[in-house]
Structure formats: structure tokens, C-alpha cells
Amino acid sequence: MKIIDSNTANELANNYLKNWDVVDNGKRLRKRVTFSDYNHAVRFLLAIEKKMTDMDHFIDVAMFYDEMMISLHTHDANALTKDDFKLAVFLDRKLADMDVE
């Protein structure tokens, strides 16, 4: 498992992701999302569950009615890896499909 350094993580996030921040000294990706309502937020979680299970890679999430804070990092490495970026790209696509940024 190759760890992605902070500079590379920032470059990848800026070039390939939509509104993701690299935080915790380059160890985590974070994104805040606002949905139209609570049900829309829950539908998003249900829509991404299978992909996360297939990848065996899961988000950390805090949800507040229609807002969600999504965080990604590879737990085993306590750092960012390519799986975090692959999942972030997938999440961005799902959000776009739901007309959410």
C-alpha cells in the first residue's frame, strides 16, 4: 500500500476532485456537502454503500439533518492512498448524479 504524500495529495485533490480539502497534515480528505433535505442525504449514503463494500474502503461521516461532512483516509495506513482518491472520484460522480456539489 503506497502512501500519498501531502504535496501529491493536494495536487491530486486540486486537479481531480471537486471541493475536497486535504487536512490533518495530508493524512485525510474532507468534504462538506449540503443536501436538499435529510432524506436526500440518507439516499446518498444508501447509493454509495455497495461501492464501499466492494472496495472494502469506507468513509467517515458526520451528518446534521441536510449537511454531511465526509472524510476519507486509509485506516490501516493512517494516511492517504490511491483508494481514497478512487473513492472520492466515485463520490463526486454520485453527488453530481444527485445534483449536489
C-alpha atoms as a PDB file:
ATOM      1  CA  MET A   1       0.000   0.000   0.000  1.00  0.00           C
ATOM      2  CA  LYS A   2       1.665   3.186  -1.222  1.00  0.00           C
ATOM      3  CA  ILE A   3       1.098   6.249   0.937  1.00  0.00           C
ATOM      4  CA  ILE A   4       0.459   9.528  -0.893  1.00  0.00           C
ATOM      5  CA  ASP A   5       2.452  12.446   0.492  1.00  0.00           C
ATOM      6  CA  SER A   6       0.842  15.778   1.362  1.00  0.00           C
ATOM      7  CA  ASN A   7       2.080  17.672  -1.722  1.00  0.00           C
ATOM      8  CA  THR A   8       0.885  14.962  -4.096  1.00  0.00           C
ATOM      9  CA  ALA A   9      -2.428  14.732  -2.237  1.00  0.00           C
ATOM     10  CA  ASN A  10      -3.012  18.471  -2.666  1.00  0.00           C
ATOM     11  CA  GLU A  11      -2.140  18.271  -6.352  1.00  0.00           C
ATOM     12  CA  LEU A  12      -4.481  15.319  -6.929  1.00  0.00           C
ATOM     13  CA  ALA A  13      -7.306  16.953  -4.971  1.00  0.00           C
ATOM     14  CA  ASN A  14      -6.960  20.215  -6.898  1.00  0.00           C
ATOM     15  CA  ASN A  15      -6.805  18.502 -10.293  1.00  0.00           C
ATOM     16  CA  TYR A  16      -9.266  15.631  -9.968  1.00  0.00           C
ATOM     17  CA  LEU A  17     -11.690  16.260  -7.103  1.00  0.00           C
ATOM     18  CA  LYS A  18     -14.474  18.763  -6.568  1.00  0.00           C
ATOM     19  CA  ASN A  19     -14.346  20.809  -3.340  1.00  0.00           C
ATOM     20  CA  TRP A  20     -12.269  18.363  -1.306  1.00  0.00           C
ATOM     21  CA  ASP A  21      -9.706  19.615   1.211  1.00  0.00           C
ATOM     22  CA  VAL A  22      -6.550  17.812   2.232  1.00  0.00           C
ATOM     23  CA  VAL A  23      -6.390  18.095   6.029  1.00  0.00           C
ATOM     24  CA  ASP A  24      -4.623  16.639   9.071  1.00  0.00           C
ATOM     25  CA  ASN A  25      -1.144  17.214   7.647  1.00  0.00           C
ATOM     26  CA  GLY A  26      -2.012  15.449   4.401  1.00  0.00           C
ATOM     27  CA  LYS A  27      -3.482  12.365   6.048  1.00  0.00           C
ATOM     28  CA  ARG A  28      -7.156  12.900   5.230  1.00  0.00           C
ATOM     29  CA  LEU A  29      -9.536  14.179   2.543  1.00  0.00           C
ATOM     30  CA  ARG A  30     -12.568  16.113   3.755  1.00  0.00           C
ATOM     31  CA  LYS A  31     -15.650  17.487   2.023  1.00  0.00           C
ATOM     32  CA  ARG A  32     -18.750  19.269   3.322  1.00  0.00           C
ATOM     33  CA  VAL A  33     -21.943  18.594   1.385  1.00  0.00           C
ATOM     34  CA  THR A  34     -25.385  20.194   1.735  1.00  0.00           C
ATOM     35  CA  PHE A  35     -28.404  18.227   0.530  1.00  0.00           C
ATOM     36  CA  SER A  36     -31.930  19.474  -0.074  1.00  0.00           C
ATOM     37  CA  ASP A  37     -33.171  17.581   2.986  1.00  0.00           C
ATOM     38  CA  TYR A  38     -32.464  14.703   5.366  1.00  0.00           C
ATOM     39  CA  ASN A  39     -33.959  12.039   3.075  1.00  0.00           C
ATOM     40  CA  HIS A  40     -31.745  13.139   0.196  1.00  0.00           C
ATOM     41  CA  ALA A  41     -28.682  12.760   2.440  1.00  0.00           C
ATOM     42  CA  VAL A  42     -29.729   9.261   3.511  1.00  0.00           C
ATOM     43  CA  ARG A  43     -30.343   8.262  -0.121  1.00  0.00           C
ATOM     44  CA  PHE A  44     -26.782   9.297  -0.919  1.00  0.00           C
ATOM     45  CA  LEU A  45     -25.415   7.019   1.813  1.00  0.00           C
ATOM     46  CA  LEU A  46     -27.500   4.127   0.539  1.00  0.00           C
ATOM     47  CA  ALA A  47     -26.323   4.786  -3.034  1.00  0.00           C
ATOM     48  CA  ILE A  48     -22.633   4.522  -2.103  1.00  0.00           C
ATOM     49  CA  GLU A  49     -22.796   1.579   0.312  1.00  0.00           C
ATOM     50  CA  LYS A  50     -22.246  -1.169  -2.284  1.00  0.00           C
ATOM     51  CA  LYS A  51     -19.194   0.504  -3.830  1.00  0.00           C
ATOM     52  CA  MET A  52     -17.602   0.974  -0.415  1.00  0.00           C
ATOM     53  CA  THR A  53     -18.307  -2.653   0.495  1.00  0.00           C
ATOM     54  CA  ASP A  54     -16.881  -3.871  -2.825  1.00  0.00           C
ATOM     55  CA  MET A  55     -13.740  -1.782  -2.265  1.00  0.00           C
ATOM     56  CA  ASP A  56     -13.588  -2.669   1.442  1.00  0.00           C
ATOM     57  CA  HIS A  57     -12.969   1.048   1.925  1.00  0.00           C
ATOM     58  CA  PHE A  58     -15.370   3.231   3.901  1.00  0.00           C
ATOM     59  CA  ILE A  59     -15.994   6.903   4.601  1.00  0.00           C
ATOM     60  CA  ASP A  60     -16.128   8.542   7.980  1.00  0.00           C
ATOM     61  CA  VAL A  61     -19.248  10.673   8.045  1.00  0.00           C
ATOM     62  CA  ALA A  62     -20.900  13.182  10.335  1.00  0.00           C
ATOM     63  CA  MET A  63     -24.456  14.065   9.377  1.00  0.00           C
ATOM     64  CA  PHE A  64     -26.523  17.025  10.577  1.00  0.00           C
ATOM     65  CA  TYR A  65     -30.012  16.902   9.034  1.00  0.00           C
ATOM     66  CA  ASP A  66     -29.220  18.089   5.480  1.00  0.00           C
ATOM     67  CA  GLU A  67     -25.457  18.576   5.879  1.00  0.00           C
ATOM     68  CA  MET A  68     -22.780  15.940   5.761  1.00  0.00           C
ATOM     69  CA  MET A  69     -19.068  16.053   6.484  1.00  0.00           C
ATOM     70  CA  ILE A  70     -17.325  13.268   4.590  1.00  0.00           C
ATOM     71  CA  SER A  71     -13.823  12.230   5.493  1.00  0.00           C
ATOM     72  CA  LEU A  72     -11.555   9.718   3.791  1.00  0.00           C
ATOM     73  CA  HIS A  73      -8.283   8.113   4.781  1.00  0.00           C
ATOM     74  CA  THR A  74      -6.884   4.622   4.729  1.00  0.00           C
ATOM     75  CA  HIS A  75      -7.338   3.425   8.281  1.00  0.00           C
ATOM     76  CA  ASP A  76      -4.652   0.717   8.105  1.00  0.00           C
ATOM     77  CA  ALA A  77      -2.047   3.244   6.952  1.00  0.00           C
ATOM     78  CA  ASN A  78      -3.349   6.259   8.904  1.00  0.00           C
ATOM     79  CA  ALA A  79      -2.669   8.156   5.687  1.00  0.00           C
ATOM     80  CA  LEU A  80      -3.989   8.763   2.186  1.00  0.00           C
ATOM     81  CA  THR A  81      -3.636   6.106  -0.505  1.00  0.00           C
ATOM     82  CA  LYS A  82      -4.907   5.719  -4.061  1.00  0.00           C
ATOM     83  CA  ASP A  83      -8.070   4.049  -2.705  1.00  0.00           C
ATOM     84  CA  ASP A  84      -9.058   7.309  -1.002  1.00  0.00           C
ATOM     85  CA  PHE A  85      -8.835   9.188  -4.283  1.00  0.00           C
ATOM     86  CA  LYS A  86     -10.638   6.464  -6.226  1.00  0.00           C
ATOM     87  CA  LEU A  87     -13.488   6.569  -3.724  1.00  0.00           C
ATOM     88  CA  ALA A  88     -13.549  10.388  -3.699  1.00  0.00           C
ATOM     89  CA  VAL A  89     -13.917  10.445  -7.509  1.00  0.00           C
ATOM     90  CA  PHE A  90     -16.779   7.951  -7.228  1.00  0.00           C
ATOM     91  CA  LEU A  91     -18.454  10.048  -4.503  1.00  0.00           C
ATOM     92  CA  ASP A  92     -18.155  13.187  -6.643  1.00  0.00           C
ATOM     93  CA  ARG A  93     -19.866  11.369  -9.518  1.00  0.00           C
ATOM     94  CA  LYS A  94     -22.695  10.147  -7.269  1.00  0.00           C
ATOM     95  CA  LEU A  95     -23.176  13.642  -5.871  1.00  0.00           C
ATOM     96  CA  ALA A  96     -23.276  15.081  -9.401  1.00  0.00           C
ATOM     97  CA  ASP A  97     -25.872  12.453 -10.371  1.00  0.00           C
ATOM     98  CA  MET A  98     -27.981  13.708  -7.448  1.00  0.00           C
ATOM     99  CA  ASP A  99     -27.411  17.383  -8.415  1.00  0.00           C
ATOM    100  CA  VAL A 100     -25.426  18.010  -5.236  1.00  0.00           C
ATOM    101  CA  GLU A 101     -21.977  19.595  -5.091  1.00  0.00           C
END
